[in-house]
C-alpha atoms as a PDB file:
ATOM      1  CA  MET A   1     -42.554 -81.787  62.618  1.00  0.00           C
ATOM      2  CA  ARG A   2     -46.315 -81.650  63.330  1.00  0.00           C
ATOM      3  CA  ALA A   3     -49.171 -80.450  60.961  1.00  0.00           C
ATOM      4  CA  PRO A   4     -49.465 -76.959  62.512  1.00  0.00           C
ATOM      5  CA  ASP A   5     -45.699 -76.722  61.875  1.00  0.00           C
ATOM      6  CA  LYS A   6     -45.904 -77.799  58.568  1.00  0.00           C
ATOM      7  CA  THR A   7     -48.840 -75.560  57.555  1.00  0.00           C
ATOM      8  CA  GLY A   8     -47.019 -72.500  59.400  1.00  0.00           C
ATOM      9  CA  SER A   9     -43.636 -73.363  57.552  1.00  0.00           C
ATOM     10  CA  HIS A  10     -45.792 -73.728  54.218  1.00  0.00           C
ATOM     11  CA  ALA A  11     -47.207 -70.170  54.738  1.00  0.00           C
ATOM     12  CA  LEU A  12     -44.122 -68.641  55.431  1.00  0.00           C
ATOM     13  CA  LEU A  13     -42.086 -69.907  52.572  1.00  0.00           C
ATOM     14  CA  SER A  14     -45.144 -69.108  50.700  1.00  0.00           C
ATOM     15  CA  ASN A  15     -44.840 -65.694  51.865  1.00  0.00           C
ATOM     16  CA  ILE A  16     -41.125 -65.222  51.742  1.00  0.00           C
ATOM     17  CA  LEU A  17     -41.713 -66.164  48.000  1.00  0.00           C
ATOM     18  CA  LEU A  18     -44.344 -63.911  46.974  1.00  0.00           C
ATOM     19  CA  ALA A  19     -41.885 -61.129  48.411  1.00  0.00           C
ATOM     20  CA  TRP A  20     -39.086 -62.129  46.909  1.00  0.00           C
ATOM     21  CA  ASN A  21     -41.019 -62.241  43.607  1.00  0.00           C
ATOM     22  CA  THR A  22     -42.474 -58.898  44.005  1.00  0.00           C
ATOM     23  CA  ALA A  23     -38.953 -57.261  44.843  1.00  0.00           C
ATOM     24  CA  GLN A  24     -37.707 -58.898  41.811  1.00  0.00           C
ATOM     25  CA  ILE A  25     -40.313 -57.956  39.672  1.00  0.00           C
ATOM     26  CA  GLN A  26     -40.267 -53.993  40.593  1.00  0.00           C
ATOM     27  CA  ALA A  27     -36.270 -54.573  40.116  1.00  0.00           C
ATOM     28  CA  VAL A  28     -36.850 -55.310  36.585  1.00  0.00           C
ATOM     29  CA  ALA A  29     -39.485 -52.780  36.220  1.00  0.00           C
ATOM     30  CA  ASP A  30     -37.379 -49.797  37.474  1.00  0.00           C
ATOM     31  CA  ARG A  31     -33.978 -51.220  35.755  1.00  0.00           C
ATOM     32  CA  ARG A  32     -36.055 -51.148  32.364  1.00  0.00           C
ATOM     33  CA  LYS A  33     -37.480 -47.546  33.175  1.00  0.00           C
ATOM     34  CA  LYS A  34     -34.206 -46.401  33.748  1.00  0.00           C
ATOM     35  CA  GLN A  35     -32.985 -48.226  30.585  1.00  0.00           C
ATOM     36  CA  MET A  36     -35.649 -46.363  28.559  1.00  0.00           C
ATOM     37  CA  HIS A  37     -37.240 -49.445  28.037  1.00  0.00           C
ATOM     38  CA  ALA A  38     -40.393 -49.158  30.402  1.00  0.00           C
ATOM     39  CA  ILE A  39     -42.708 -51.899  30.636  1.00  0.00           C
ATOM     40  CA  GLY A  40     -45.999 -50.804  29.930  1.00  0.00           C
ATOM     41  CA  GLU A  41     -48.729 -50.455  32.931  1.00  0.00           C
ATOM     42  CA  SER A  42     -50.994 -52.900  30.952  1.00  0.00           C
ATOM     43  CA  TRP A  43     -48.281 -55.499  30.817  1.00  0.00           C
ATOM     44  CA  LEU A  44     -47.782 -55.122  34.688  1.00  0.00           C
ATOM     45  CA  ARG A  45     -51.160 -55.302  35.551  1.00  0.00           C
ATOM     46  CA  HIS A  46     -50.703 -59.134  34.339  1.00  0.00           C
ATOM     47  CA  ILE A  47     -48.035 -59.612  35.920  1.00  0.00           C
ATOM     48  CA  GLY A  48     -47.997 -61.628  39.541  1.00  0.00           C
ATOM     49  CA  PRO A  49     -45.826 -62.800  42.167  1.00  0.00           C
ATOM     50  CA  ALA A  50     -47.370 -66.116  42.524  1.00  0.00           C
ATOM     51  CA  HIS A  51     -44.881 -68.290  40.159  1.00  0.00           C
ATOM     52  CA  PHE A  52     -42.817 -70.786  41.472  1.00  0.00           C
ATOM     53  CA  GLY A  53     -41.492 -72.365  38.600  1.00  0.00           C
ATOM     54  CA  HIS A  54     -38.258 -71.348  40.161  1.00  0.00           C
ATOM     55  CA  VAL A  55     -38.575 -73.252  43.595  1.00  0.00           C
ATOM     56  CA  ASN A  56     -37.310 -76.390  44.327  1.00  0.00           C
ATOM     57  CA  PHE A  57     -39.858 -77.570  46.786  1.00  0.00           C
ATOM     58  CA  ARG A  58     -39.083 -81.245  47.049  1.00  0.00           C
ATOM     59  CA  GLY A  59     -35.445 -80.208  48.367  1.00  0.00           C
ATOM     60  CA  MET A  60     -34.010 -82.472  45.692  1.00  0.00           C
ATOM     61  CA  LEU A  61     -30.935 -80.756  43.828  1.00  0.00           C
ATOM     62  CA  THR A  62     -30.028 -82.495  40.194  1.00  0.00           C
ATOM     63  CA  PHE A  63     -26.935 -81.671  38.401  1.00  0.00           C
ATOM     64  CA  GLY A  64     -26.219 -82.621  34.663  1.00  0.00           C
ATOM     65  CA  VAL A  65     -23.069 -85.132  35.267  1.00  0.00           C
ATOM     66  CA  GLU A  66     -23.749 -87.032  32.144  1.00  0.00           C
ATOM     67  CA  LYS A  67     -21.149 -85.603  30.080  1.00  0.00           C
ATOM     68  CA  TYR A  68     -18.863 -86.143  33.285  1.00  0.00           C
ATOM     69  CA  LEU A  69     -19.754 -89.775  33.841  1.00  0.00           C
ATOM     70  CA  ASP A  70     -16.767 -91.971  32.636  1.00  0.00           C
ATOM     71  CA  ALA A  71     -14.726 -89.553  34.326  1.00  0.00           C
ATOM     72  CA  LEU A  72     -16.611 -89.699  37.328  1.00  0.00           C
ATOM     73  CA  LEU A  73     -16.639 -93.711  37.165  1.00  0.00           C
ATOM     74  CA  ARG A  74     -12.964 -93.687  36.471  1.00  0.00           C
ATOM     75  CA  ASP A  75     -12.243 -91.440  39.598  1.00  0.00           C
ATOM     76  CA  GLN A  76     -14.417 -93.669  41.657  1.00  0.00           C
ATOM     77  CA  GLU A  77     -12.705 -96.828  40.853  1.00  0.00           C
ATOM     78  CA  THR A  78      -9.482 -95.224  41.653  1.00  0.00           C
ATOM     79  CA  VAL A  79     -10.618 -94.510  44.966  1.00  0.00           C
ATOM     80  CA  ARG A  80     -11.828 -98.177  45.536  1.00  0.00           C
ATOM     81  CA  ARG A  81      -8.450 -99.554  44.671  1.00  0.00           C
ATOM     82  CA  ARG A  82      -6.524 -96.906  47.004  1.00  0.00           C
ATOM     83  CA  ALA A  83      -9.380 -98.584  49.582  1.00  0.00           C
ATOM     84  CA  GLN A  84      -8.428-101.804  49.085  1.00  0.00           C
ATOM     85  CA  GLY A  85      -4.970-101.189  49.457  1.00  0.00           C
END
C-alpha cells in the first residue's frame, strides 16, 4: 500500500470512528433521558467522540487462554500422535 493510500485509509478510519462514537454517545444520552436520568448539559459539553481506547489499531487479537492452557496443550499432543500414526 502506497503512503497516500495509507493516509487516506487512516483518515477514513478516523472519520468512521468519530461518527460511531458520536452515535453511541447520542444513543446513551437519549436512553438516559428516556429513563429520566438525563445527562446534564454541562457534562455533555465535556464529552467528545475522539476516544479510541476500544479500537485495536494493530490488527492483533489476543485471548485470555491461560486458564485453558493445559487442555489446549493436551489436545495438541493428541493431534500430533494421530498425525504420526
